[in-house]
Protein backbone atom coordinates (compact mmCIF):
# COMPACT_ATOMS: atom_id res chain seq x y z
CA MET A 1 -9.70 3.99 26.00
CA TYR A 2 -7.84 4.25 22.65
CA ASP A 3 -8.48 0.72 21.47
CA ASN A 4 -9.64 1.81 17.94
CA PHE A 5 -6.65 3.99 17.00
CA MET A 6 -3.72 2.62 14.83
CA THR A 7 -1.00 1.16 16.90
CA VAL A 8 2.38 -0.47 16.09
CA GLU A 9 1.02 -3.98 16.85
CA MET A 10 -1.87 -3.33 14.12
CA LEU A 11 0.73 -2.22 11.57
CA THR A 12 2.50 -5.68 11.91
CA THR A 13 -0.51 -7.26 10.48
CA PHE A 14 -2.07 -7.51 6.92
CA VAL A 15 -5.18 -5.60 7.68
CA GLY A 16 -3.21 -2.91 9.60
CA LEU A 17 -0.92 -2.35 6.78
CA VAL A 18 -3.80 -2.30 4.14
CA THR A 19 -5.52 0.20 6.15
CA ALA A 20 -2.58 2.28 6.81
CA VAL A 21 -1.58 2.49 3.21
CA ALA A 22 -5.21 3.09 2.02
CA LEU A 23 -5.62 5.82 4.31
CA ILE A 24 -2.25 7.48 3.56
CA VAL A 25 -2.82 7.24 -0.15
CA GLN A 26 -6.38 8.42 -0.12
CA PHE A 27 -5.32 11.65 1.87
CA THR A 28 -2.38 12.49 -0.28
CA LYS A 29 -2.99 11.08 -3.70
CA SER A 30 -4.31 14.48 -4.97
CA LEU A 31 -0.76 15.64 -4.71
CA ILE A 32 0.20 13.02 -7.27
CA LYS A 33 -2.80 13.11 -9.43
CA ASN A 34 -2.46 16.92 -10.02
CA LYS A 35 0.80 16.35 -11.82
CA PHE A 36 0.72 12.69 -13.00
CA ASN A 37 -1.80 10.12 -14.21
CA ASP A 38 -3.23 7.09 -12.36
CA VAL A 39 -0.41 4.82 -13.12
CA TYR A 40 1.83 7.09 -10.75
CA VAL A 41 -0.83 6.77 -8.02
CA ARG A 42 -0.36 2.86 -8.10
CA LEU A 43 3.46 3.27 -7.92
CA TYR A 44 3.00 5.73 -5.11
CA THR A 45 0.86 3.20 -3.31
CA PHE A 46 3.37 0.54 -3.76
CA ILE A 47 6.14 2.88 -2.43
CA ILE A 48 4.17 3.67 0.66
CA SER A 49 3.43 -0.09 1.08
CA LEU A 50 6.97 -0.93 0.62
CA GLY A 51 8.06 1.58 3.20
CA LEU A 52 5.66 0.66 5.87
CA SER A 53 6.34 -3.09 5.36
CA PHE A 54 10.19 -2.81 5.63
CA VAL A 55 9.69 -0.77 8.81
CA TYR A 56 6.69 -2.69 10.48
CA ALA A 57 6.44 -6.12 8.85
CA ARG A 58 9.84 -7.13 7.59
CA ALA A 59 9.61 -10.77 6.64
CA GLY A 60 13.04 -12.47 7.89
CA ASN A 61 16.67 -11.31 7.21
CA GLY A 62 19.06 -11.50 4.13
CA ALA A 63 18.01 -11.63 0.66
CA GLU A 64 15.13 -13.91 1.29
CA GLY A 65 13.66 -11.68 3.76
CA ILE A 66 13.91 -8.79 1.26
CA ILE A 67 12.27 -10.48 -1.46
CA LEU A 68 9.49 -11.75 0.86
CA THR A 69 8.91 -8.23 2.07
CA ILE A 70 8.75 -6.95 -1.46
CA ILE A 71 6.16 -9.43 -2.40
CA ASN A 72 4.24 -8.81 0.69
CA ALA A 73 4.29 -5.10 -0.05
CA ILE A 74 2.97 -5.94 -3.61
CA ILE A 75 0.10 -7.83 -1.83
CA VAL A 76 -0.58 -5.04 0.48
CA SER A 77 -0.77 -2.25 -2.32
CA VAL A 78 -2.97 -4.36 -4.56
CA ALA A 79 -5.16 -4.91 -1.49
CA ALA A 80 -5.20 -1.19 -0.62
CA MET A 81 -5.86 -0.24 -4.28
CA GLY A 82 -8.75 -2.55 -4.70
CA THR A 83 -8.08 -6.02 -6.47
CA TYR A 84 -10.93 -5.43 -9.14
CA GLU A 85 -9.25 -2.24 -10.54
CA ILE A 86 -5.97 -3.79 -10.69
CA ILE A 87 -6.45 -7.36 -11.93
CA SER A 88 -9.95 -7.15 -13.81
CA ASP A 89 -9.48 -3.69 -15.65
CA PRO A 90 -5.90 -2.40 -15.40
CA LYS A 91 -6.46 -0.18 -18.44
CA ALA A 92 -9.57 1.51 -17.13
CA LEU A 93 -9.69 5.45 -17.93
CA LYS A 94 -11.23 7.54 -15.21
CA HIS A 95 -12.58 10.98 -16.20
CA LYS A 96 -11.71 13.90 -14.09
């Protein structure tokens, strides 16, 4: 009956993490954008991604696991923000 809702199992996958990060950021980024510029939205996206990755998709134990989880969080945050904006045109100016 509730197969389309976010579950813990979904948050352990790449697609689930990207979806969760994108939704959280899209619904809350106006709080960041009201006081700061777009660079802080990217940092905010990474922080959300890092938190969710450590809780739901930790990649191993010890220093290796921490480093892999951070790398995975970077990949998730870039995917959630859109690779074109980050890689192709990182200094693009948006008009309010």
